[in-house]
Protein backbone atom coordinates (compact mmCIF):
# COMPACT_ATOMS: atom_id res chain seq x y z
CA MET A 1 2.60 -23.34 0.93
CA THR A 2 -0.45 -23.51 -1.74
CA ALA A 3 -0.41 -19.97 -3.00
CA LYS A 4 1.87 -19.55 -6.13
CA LEU A 5 4.45 -16.83 -5.32
CA LEU A 6 6.20 -14.71 -8.05
CA SER A 7 10.14 -15.15 -7.80
CA SER A 8 12.26 -11.96 -7.71
CA PRO A 9 15.56 -12.37 -6.29
CA PHE A 10 17.02 -9.18 -4.57
CA SER A 11 19.81 -7.78 -6.06
CA GLN A 12 23.33 -7.37 -4.10
CA VAL A 13 22.53 -3.85 -3.12
CA GLU A 14 18.84 -4.34 -1.99
CA LYS A 15 20.05 -7.35 -0.03
CA LYS A 16 22.80 -5.32 1.65
CA VAL A 17 20.41 -2.45 2.48
CA LEU A 18 17.77 -4.85 4.11
CA GLU A 19 20.37 -6.59 5.87
CA GLU A 20 21.53 -2.99 7.36
CA LYS A 21 17.99 -2.28 8.28
CA PHE A 22 17.23 -5.53 9.85
CA THR A 23 20.32 -4.90 12.01
CA SER A 24 18.90 -1.40 12.98
CA LEU A 25 15.55 -2.77 13.70
CA ALA A 26 16.70 -6.04 15.49
CA SER A 27 17.64 -3.86 18.66
CA LYS A 28 14.17 -2.32 18.97
CA TYR A 29 12.32 -5.72 18.66
CA PRO A 30 13.81 -7.98 21.45
CA ASP A 31 11.38 -10.59 20.02
CA ARG A 32 12.53 -11.43 16.66
CA LYS A 33 8.76 -12.55 15.73
CA SER A 34 7.69 -8.86 16.16
CA LEU A 35 9.87 -7.79 13.13
CA ALA A 36 7.53 -9.73 10.86
CA MET A 37 5.39 -6.59 9.78
CA PRO A 38 8.42 -4.15 9.60
CA LEU A 39 10.58 -6.28 7.44
CA LEU A 40 7.36 -7.02 4.96
CA TYR A 41 7.08 -3.20 4.57
CA LEU A 42 10.62 -2.87 3.65
CA CYS A 43 10.68 -5.86 1.13
CA GLN A 44 7.67 -4.83 -0.42
CA GLU A 45 9.29 -1.11 -0.79
CA VAL A 46 12.46 -2.54 -2.22
CA GLN A 47 10.49 -4.74 -4.97
CA GLY A 48 6.90 -3.35 -5.23
CA PHE A 49 5.35 -6.40 -4.00
CA ILE A 50 6.13 -9.53 -1.83
CA SER A 51 8.09 -12.00 -3.57
CA GLN A 52 8.96 -15.49 -2.50
CA GLU A 53 12.28 -14.08 -1.80
CA GLY A 54 10.59 -11.62 0.79
CA ILE A 55 8.57 -14.34 2.46
CA ASP A 56 12.00 -16.40 2.87
CA PHE A 57 13.94 -13.16 4.08
CA VAL A 58 11.34 -12.42 6.62
CA SER A 59 10.98 -16.12 7.74
CA GLU A 60 14.48 -16.50 7.90
CA LYS A 61 14.91 -13.41 10.14
CA THR A 62 11.94 -13.76 12.23
CA GLY A 63 12.27 -17.65 13.11
CA LEU A 64 8.54 -17.69 11.88
CA SER A 65 7.68 -20.40 9.07
CA SER A 66 7.18 -19.27 5.20
CA ALA A 67 3.49 -20.29 6.08
CA HIS A 68 3.00 -18.03 9.13
CA ILE A 69 4.54 -14.90 6.60
CA LEU A 70 2.53 -15.67 3.97
CA GLU A 71 -0.80 -15.82 6.22
CA LEU A 72 0.22 -11.88 7.25
CA VAL A 73 0.64 -11.26 3.59
CA THR A 74 -2.54 -12.33 2.34
CA PHE A 75 -4.52 -10.96 5.54
CA TYR A 76 -3.42 -7.25 5.27
CA THR A 77 -4.50 -5.55 2.11
CA MET A 78 -1.37 -3.21 2.31
CA PHE A 79 0.78 -6.09 1.01
CA HIS A 80 0.54 -7.55 -2.46
CA LEU A 81 1.83 -10.48 -3.92
CA LYS A 82 2.30 -9.26 -7.43
CA PRO A 83 3.08 -5.77 -8.74
CA VAL A 84 0.47 -3.07 -8.42
CA GLY A 85 0.12 0.17 -10.29
CA LYS A 86 2.30 3.08 -9.31
CA TYR A 87 -0.42 4.70 -7.83
CA HIS A 88 -2.74 2.11 -6.33
CA ILE A 89 -6.08 3.25 -5.30
CA GLN A 90 -7.71 1.81 -2.32
CA VAL A 91 -11.46 2.49 -1.91
CA CYS A 92 -13.38 1.87 1.37
CA ARG A 93 -16.24 -0.07 1.03
CA THR A 94 -17.49 -0.18 4.67
CA ALA A 95 -20.92 1.07 5.53
CA SER A 96 -19.58 4.88 6.42
CA CYS A 97 -17.93 5.37 3.29
CA TYR A 98 -20.48 3.47 1.24
CA PHE A 99 -23.37 5.49 2.25
CA CYS A 100 -21.91 8.66 2.11
CA GLY A 101 -20.96 8.23 -1.63
CA GLY A 102 -18.28 5.52 -1.68
CA LYS A 103 -20.61 3.90 -4.06
CA LYS A 104 -20.24 6.28 -6.58
CA LEU A 105 -16.69 6.50 -6.14
CA ILE A 106 -16.31 2.56 -6.52
CA ASP A 107 -18.12 2.83 -9.54
CA TRP A 108 -16.05 5.84 -10.66
CA VAL A 109 -12.59 4.32 -9.96
CA LYS A 110 -13.52 1.13 -11.94
CA LYS A 111 -14.52 3.07 -14.92
CA PHE A 112 -11.38 5.26 -14.65
CA VAL A 113 -8.73 2.33 -14.48
CA GLY A 114 -10.81 0.06 -16.53
CA LYS A 115 -9.20 -3.11 -15.14
CA ASP A 116 -10.20 -5.68 -12.66
CA GLN A 117 -9.01 -5.03 -9.16
CA LEU A 118 -5.19 -5.54 -8.43
CA GLU A 119 -4.58 -5.40 -12.50
CA ARG A 120 -2.71 -2.38 -13.56
CA THR A 121 -3.20 -0.06 -16.39
CA ASP A 122 -1.36 -0.81 -19.83
CA ASP A 123 0.63 2.14 -18.70
CA GLY A 124 1.56 0.78 -15.19
CA LEU A 125 0.37 3.69 -13.64
CA PHE A 126 -2.75 2.67 -11.83
CA SER A 127 -4.51 -0.20 -9.99
CA TRP A 128 -7.30 -0.20 -7.59
CA GLU A 129 -9.19 -2.48 -5.26
CA LEU A 130 -11.92 -2.45 -2.67
CA VAL A 131 -10.67 -2.56 1.17
CA GLU A 132 -12.17 -2.77 4.39
CA CYS A 133 -12.40 0.27 6.73
CA ILE A 134 -9.28 2.39 6.39
CA GLY A 135 -10.30 4.32 9.59
CA SER A 136 -11.65 7.48 8.21
CA CYS A 137 -15.41 7.26 9.03
CA GLY A 138 -15.70 10.67 10.10
CA THR A 139 -14.43 12.20 6.96
CA ALA A 140 -16.29 9.69 4.71
CA PRO A 141 -15.93 8.51 1.82
CA ALA A 142 -12.22 7.95 1.91
CA VAL A 143 -9.76 6.78 -0.58
CA LEU A 144 -6.02 5.53 0.10
CA ILE A 145 -3.61 6.28 -2.76
CA ASN A 146 -0.31 4.63 -2.01
CA ASP A 147 0.45 5.75 1.65
CA ARG A 148 -1.47 8.90 1.63
CA LEU A 149 -5.33 9.16 2.67
CA PHE A 150 -7.44 11.33 0.88
CA GLU A 151 -10.93 12.16 2.69
CA CYS A 152 -14.24 13.86 2.05
CA MET A 153 -13.91 12.48 -1.54
CA ASP A 154 -16.58 12.70 -4.42
CA GLU A 155 -16.31 12.00 -8.21
CA VAL A 156 -15.31 15.72 -9.10
CA LYS A 157 -12.43 15.82 -6.43
CA LEU A 158 -10.88 12.17 -7.16
CA GLU A 159 -11.00 13.00 -10.65
CA SER A 160 -9.54 16.02 -10.34
CA LEU A 161 -6.75 14.45 -8.01
CA LEU A 162 -5.87 11.49 -10.13
CA THR A 163 -5.66 13.83 -12.98
CA ARG A 164 -2.98 15.91 -11.22
CA ILE A 165 -1.20 12.65 -10.10
CA LYS A 166 -1.05 11.45 -13.54
CA LYS A 167 0.53 14.72 -14.84
CA GLU A 168 2.92 15.39 -11.80
CA GLN A 169 3.47 11.82 -10.86
CA PRO A 170 4.23 12.71 -6.94
CA ASP A 171 5.78 10.18 -4.77
CA LEU A 172 2.80 9.23 -2.43
CA ARG A 173 4.67 6.54 -0.37
CA LEU A 174 5.84 6.52 3.04
CA SER A 175 9.49 5.43 2.91
CA ASN A 176 10.12 2.67 5.63
CA PHE A 177 14.04 3.07 5.35
CA THR A 178 13.65 6.95 6.16
CA ASP A 179 10.27 6.88 8.25
CA SER A 180 9.02 9.93 6.16
CA TYR A 181 6.89 10.98 3.33
CA SER A 182 8.14 12.77 0.55
CA GLN A 183 7.37 16.43 0.12
CA ASP A 184 5.20 16.03 -3.03
CA PHE A 185 1.65 17.35 -2.92
CA SER A 186 2.58 19.10 0.41
CA ASP A 187 -0.06 21.49 -0.37
CA LEU A 188 -2.63 18.69 0.32
CA PRO A 189 -3.46 17.95 4.28
CA PHE A 190 -2.89 14.86 5.61
CA SER A 191 -6.46 15.02 7.15
CA GLU A 192 -9.20 17.46 6.64
CA ILE A 193 -11.12 19.24 9.36
CA ILE A 194 -14.81 19.28 8.53
CA GLU A 195 -16.29 22.52 9.92
CA GLU A 196 -20.02 22.76 10.85
């Protein structure tokens, strides 16, 4: 592999949890290769990013080469090769979002985080990146924070949301171990309905 991957060995507890989840998933995926994406999600949930050990674990369990697993990790924006902020902000840059106000959001997020893409704030709380379509063209512009989609955004809504996140520090991730979201921010809908 040509990419320099961070090394972060799994603890005994993490390894046990990953092995147990692998065993429960294996029966659902008759072709072991199909386990690559679910296992990558699990590795990232455990460590916060995909380490060399994560690549090796998924490779071993699926029978796919480490290079193939690395290709998956570097192709999809939901995987990270280094730690990102506790709240990772993904701003859609495709046409629907961009022309519905996304350009202003991009500029605002750059200023708010004050770091380059995929770099964490000094307190480790935030990071950001531009991504291709996140599948919410009808409610553009959209922003994904961890695993929660926020639609119909503008700078005022985003500032209010990030201020609240900084204060309350909710769990905005989907757990691949429990297949559920936390109840944090349950007052915010997972999708908005736009009425004309």
